[in-house]
Amino acid sequence: SSWADLWKPELKGKVTMPSITSTSGPMMVDAASKVAGSTEFNEDKAFGKLAELNPSVVKYYSQTSEFINMFTQGEAAAGPIMQMYLGDLKKADPNVEFVTPSEGAYAIVNTLNVVKGSKNKELAEDFINWQLSQEVQEKAAKAKVDSPANRNVSLSAEEAAAVTYGSSVVEKLQKLDMAFVNKNLKSWTDRFNREVTK
C-alpha cells in the first residue's frame, strides 16, 4: 500500500526495480527520498535508501518485458511498473494485483514536439492537433495505448481501467521537475552504479 513496502524484510530477494536510466528510474530516486523521511528532495538520503533496498532486488529492469518475465517465472513478487503495462502483465499472470501507493503515483508525460527550424512546421502542428483530437485520444485510451490528454474524452469505468483518467486521478499524481531530473541524471546514474548496485 506504500512505496515503503518495497523495503519490507519479507520481500528480500523478491523485488524488481527500474534501472536508473529507464523512464521510471528517476521517479524511484524521488520515492526513495520520501521513504527516507524527507519532505523536500534529498539526494543523499534517496541514494542511501536505494542502497538499503539493493539486497532485495533480483534485477534492475530496463524493459517492461523483463519485468513481466520475472513475475511469470516467479522470480519477483513486487516492483513498480507503469499502469499502462498492467494489461500485458495480467495476460501473463492473471493473479497479479496492481496497487497505487498511498503517497501517490507518478505522472509520466509523453510529449509531441515540433523540432526547432522544422521545414514542415505547419504540417507537424497539424499532426499534433490530430493526435490530441478527441477521436484519436478516445481510441488510444480504449485500446490502452495511452491515457487521454483531451478533456472531452469520455470513458466508461471499464474503458478507464488501466489508464490515467479523470481529474480525481490526475490531480493526485506526483510530477517531477524534468529540467531538474535531466540536469542531474548523469550524476545520478554514476552514483547509482557506484553506491546502489555495487
Protein backbone atom coordinates (compact mmCIF):
# COMPACT_ATOMS: atom_id res chain seq x y z
CA SER A 1 0.00 0.00 0.00
CA SER A 2 3.06 2.29 0.24
CA TRP A 3 6.38 2.85 -1.53
CA ALA A 4 7.97 1.91 1.81
CA ASP A 5 6.55 -1.63 1.49
CA LEU A 6 9.27 -2.42 -1.07
CA TRP A 7 11.77 -2.26 1.82
CA LYS A 8 9.91 -4.89 3.91
CA PRO A 9 12.18 -7.76 5.02
CA GLU A 10 9.77 -10.40 3.69
CA LEU A 11 10.38 -9.11 0.16
CA LYS A 12 14.15 -9.60 0.35
CA GLY A 13 15.30 -11.21 -2.90
CA LYS A 14 11.83 -10.80 -4.45
CA VAL A 15 11.81 -7.19 -5.72
CA THR A 16 12.43 -5.90 -9.23
CA MET A 17 13.19 -2.24 -9.78
CA PRO A 18 13.57 0.00 -12.83
CA SER A 19 17.14 0.81 -13.82
CA ILE A 20 18.17 4.40 -13.20
CA THR A 21 18.20 5.10 -16.96
CA SER A 22 14.68 3.77 -17.58
CA THR A 23 11.68 6.11 -17.76
CA SER A 24 10.65 5.46 -14.16
CA GLY A 25 14.17 5.23 -12.70
CA PRO A 26 14.33 8.90 -11.58
CA MET A 27 10.88 8.55 -10.01
CA MET A 28 12.21 5.82 -7.76
CA VAL A 29 15.01 8.17 -6.66
CA ASP A 30 12.32 10.66 -5.64
CA ALA A 31 10.22 7.96 -3.95
CA ALA A 32 13.28 6.72 -2.02
CA SER A 33 13.89 10.24 -0.73
CA LYS A 34 10.31 10.30 0.59
CA VAL A 35 10.61 6.82 2.11
CA ALA A 36 13.74 8.10 3.89
CA GLY A 37 11.55 10.74 5.55
CA SER A 38 12.42 13.82 3.51
CA THR A 39 9.64 16.28 2.76
CA GLU A 40 11.94 18.07 0.29
CA PHE A 41 14.01 16.01 -2.15
CA ASN A 42 17.27 14.86 -0.54
CA GLU A 43 19.67 13.14 -2.93
CA ASP A 44 21.92 11.67 -0.22
CA LYS A 45 19.01 10.15 1.69
CA ALA A 46 17.48 8.84 -1.55
CA PHE A 47 20.64 7.01 -2.59
CA GLY A 48 21.18 5.73 0.93
CA LYS A 49 17.67 4.28 0.93
CA LEU A 50 18.13 2.73 -2.53
CA ALA A 51 21.39 1.13 -1.35
CA GLU A 52 19.44 -0.38 1.58
CA LEU A 53 16.97 -1.86 -0.90
CA ASN A 54 19.60 -3.36 -3.20
CA PRO A 55 19.86 -6.75 -1.38
CA SER A 56 16.13 -7.23 -2.00
CA VAL A 57 16.41 -6.56 -5.74
CA VAL A 58 16.52 -9.59 -8.04
CA LYS A 59 17.11 -7.43 -11.11
CA TYR A 60 17.00 -3.83 -12.26
CA TYR A 61 14.91 -3.97 -15.40
CA SER A 62 15.29 -1.78 -18.48
CA GLN A 63 12.32 -3.13 -20.43
CA THR A 64 8.79 -3.98 -19.35
CA SER A 65 9.15 -7.44 -20.91
CA GLU A 66 11.87 -8.21 -18.33
CA PHE A 67 9.51 -7.19 -15.51
CA ILE A 68 6.72 -9.40 -16.90
CA ASN A 69 9.07 -12.38 -17.35
CA MET A 70 10.30 -12.11 -13.75
CA PHE A 71 6.73 -12.19 -12.45
CA THR A 72 5.57 -15.07 -14.66
CA GLN A 73 8.64 -17.13 -13.74
CA GLY A 74 8.16 -16.44 -10.03
CA GLU A 75 11.47 -14.58 -9.71
CA ALA A 76 9.86 -11.37 -8.43
CA ALA A 77 6.89 -10.70 -6.18
CA ALA A 78 6.83 -6.89 -6.13
CA GLY A 79 8.07 -3.89 -8.03
CA PRO A 80 7.00 -0.62 -9.63
CA ILE A 81 5.61 -0.68 -13.16
CA MET A 82 3.70 1.84 -15.22
CA GLN A 83 -0.03 1.16 -15.11
CA MET A 84 -0.25 1.24 -18.91
CA TYR A 85 1.53 -2.15 -18.95
CA LEU A 86 -0.87 -3.78 -16.49
CA GLY A 87 -2.85 -5.43 -19.30
CA ASP A 88 0.26 -7.18 -20.64
CA LEU A 89 1.23 -8.24 -17.13
CA LYS A 90 -2.25 -9.62 -16.37
CA LYS A 91 -2.23 -11.60 -19.63
CA ALA A 92 0.98 -13.26 -18.49
CA ASP A 93 -0.09 -13.62 -14.85
CA PRO A 94 -3.82 -13.09 -14.13
CA ASN A 95 -3.21 -13.20 -10.35
CA VAL A 96 -1.10 -10.03 -10.33
CA GLU A 97 -2.54 -7.16 -8.34
CA PHE A 98 -1.83 -3.51 -9.13
CA VAL A 99 -1.58 -1.18 -6.15
CA THR A 100 -1.34 2.59 -6.21
CA PRO A 101 0.88 3.63 -3.28
CA SER A 102 -0.84 5.71 -0.60
CA GLU A 103 1.68 8.52 -1.19
CA GLY A 104 0.54 8.69 -4.81
CA ALA A 105 1.76 7.52 -8.18
CA TYR A 106 3.98 9.45 -10.58
CA ALA A 107 2.83 11.09 -13.78
CA ILE A 108 4.75 10.05 -16.86
CA VAL A 109 4.07 12.54 -19.60
CA ASN A 110 4.58 11.76 -23.27
CA THR A 111 5.04 14.84 -25.42
CA LEU A 112 4.87 15.71 -29.09
CA ASN A 113 7.22 18.46 -30.19
CA VAL A 114 7.97 20.42 -33.31
CA VAL A 115 11.71 20.47 -33.98
CA LYS A 116 13.14 23.99 -33.98
CA GLY A 117 13.71 25.17 -37.52
CA SER A 118 11.44 22.48 -38.99
CA LYS A 119 10.71 22.96 -42.69
CA ASN A 120 7.29 21.42 -42.12
CA LYS A 121 6.20 23.33 -39.01
CA GLU A 122 2.54 23.67 -40.02
CA LEU A 123 2.29 20.00 -41.01
CA ALA A 124 3.87 18.98 -37.70
CA GLU A 125 1.40 21.18 -35.80
CA ASP A 126 -1.48 19.63 -37.76
CA PHE A 127 -0.22 16.17 -36.78
CA ILE A 128 -0.03 17.18 -33.11
CA ASN A 129 -3.56 18.62 -33.26
CA TRP A 130 -4.79 15.36 -34.83
CA GLN A 131 -3.04 13.31 -32.10
CA LEU A 132 -4.71 15.46 -29.44
CA SER A 133 -8.15 15.33 -31.04
CA GLN A 134 -10.99 13.79 -29.07
CA GLU A 135 -11.42 11.00 -31.62
CA VAL A 136 -7.77 9.86 -31.59
CA GLN A 137 -7.36 10.28 -27.83
CA GLU A 138 -10.51 8.27 -27.16
CA LYS A 139 -9.44 5.43 -29.46
CA ALA A 140 -5.96 5.34 -27.91
CA ALA A 141 -7.41 5.24 -24.39
CA LYS A 142 -9.91 2.47 -25.22
CA ALA A 143 -7.12 0.44 -26.85
CA LYS A 144 -4.99 1.01 -23.70
CA VAL A 145 -2.27 2.61 -25.83
CA ASP A 146 -2.13 5.83 -23.82
CA SER A 147 -4.10 7.86 -21.31
CA PRO A 148 -6.15 10.71 -22.74
CA ALA A 149 -4.92 14.30 -22.55
CA ASN A 150 -8.05 15.67 -24.23
CA ARG A 151 -10.58 16.65 -21.54
CA ASN A 152 -13.52 15.96 -23.86
CA VAL A 153 -12.77 12.21 -23.93
CA SER A 154 -15.48 10.28 -22.10
CA LEU A 155 -14.76 6.74 -20.91
CA SER A 156 -16.84 4.21 -19.02
CA ALA A 157 -15.40 2.72 -15.82
CA GLU A 158 -14.39 -0.40 -17.76
CA GLU A 159 -12.75 1.63 -20.54
CA ALA A 160 -10.91 3.77 -17.96
CA ALA A 161 -9.38 0.74 -16.23
CA ALA A 162 -5.56 0.74 -16.56
CA VAL A 163 -5.39 4.26 -17.99
CA THR A 164 -4.95 7.55 -16.15
CA TYR A 165 -8.35 9.17 -16.48
CA GLY A 166 -10.40 11.76 -14.67
CA SER A 167 -9.50 14.84 -12.67
CA SER A 168 -9.72 12.98 -9.34
CA VAL A 169 -6.95 10.63 -10.54
CA VAL A 170 -4.83 13.19 -12.40
CA GLU A 171 -4.80 15.73 -9.54
CA LYS A 172 -3.27 13.14 -7.17
CA LEU A 173 -0.33 12.34 -9.47
CA GLN A 174 3.13 13.44 -8.42
CA LYS A 175 5.11 15.25 -11.08
CA LEU A 176 8.86 15.50 -11.28
CA ASP A 177 10.63 18.65 -12.44
CA MET A 178 12.09 17.14 -15.61
CA ALA A 179 14.51 20.04 -16.11
CA PHE A 180 15.95 19.18 -12.67
CA VAL A 181 15.98 15.45 -13.49
CA ASN A 182 17.70 15.98 -16.84
CA LYS A 183 20.31 18.25 -15.23
CA ASN A 184 21.13 15.58 -12.62
CA LEU A 185 20.57 12.29 -14.46
CA LYS A 186 24.21 11.80 -15.49
CA SER A 187 25.48 12.22 -11.92
CA TRP A 188 22.57 10.11 -10.56
CA THR A 189 23.45 7.32 -13.00
CA ASP A 190 27.06 7.40 -11.87
CA ARG A 191 26.04 7.45 -8.21
CA PHE A 192 23.51 4.65 -8.73
CA ASN A 193 26.19 2.44 -10.30
CA ARG A 194 28.74 3.22 -7.57
CA GLU A 195 26.56 3.21 -4.47
CA VAL A 196 23.41 1.20 -5.16
CA THR A 197 24.24 -1.70 -7.48
CA LYS A 198 27.85 -2.21 -6.29
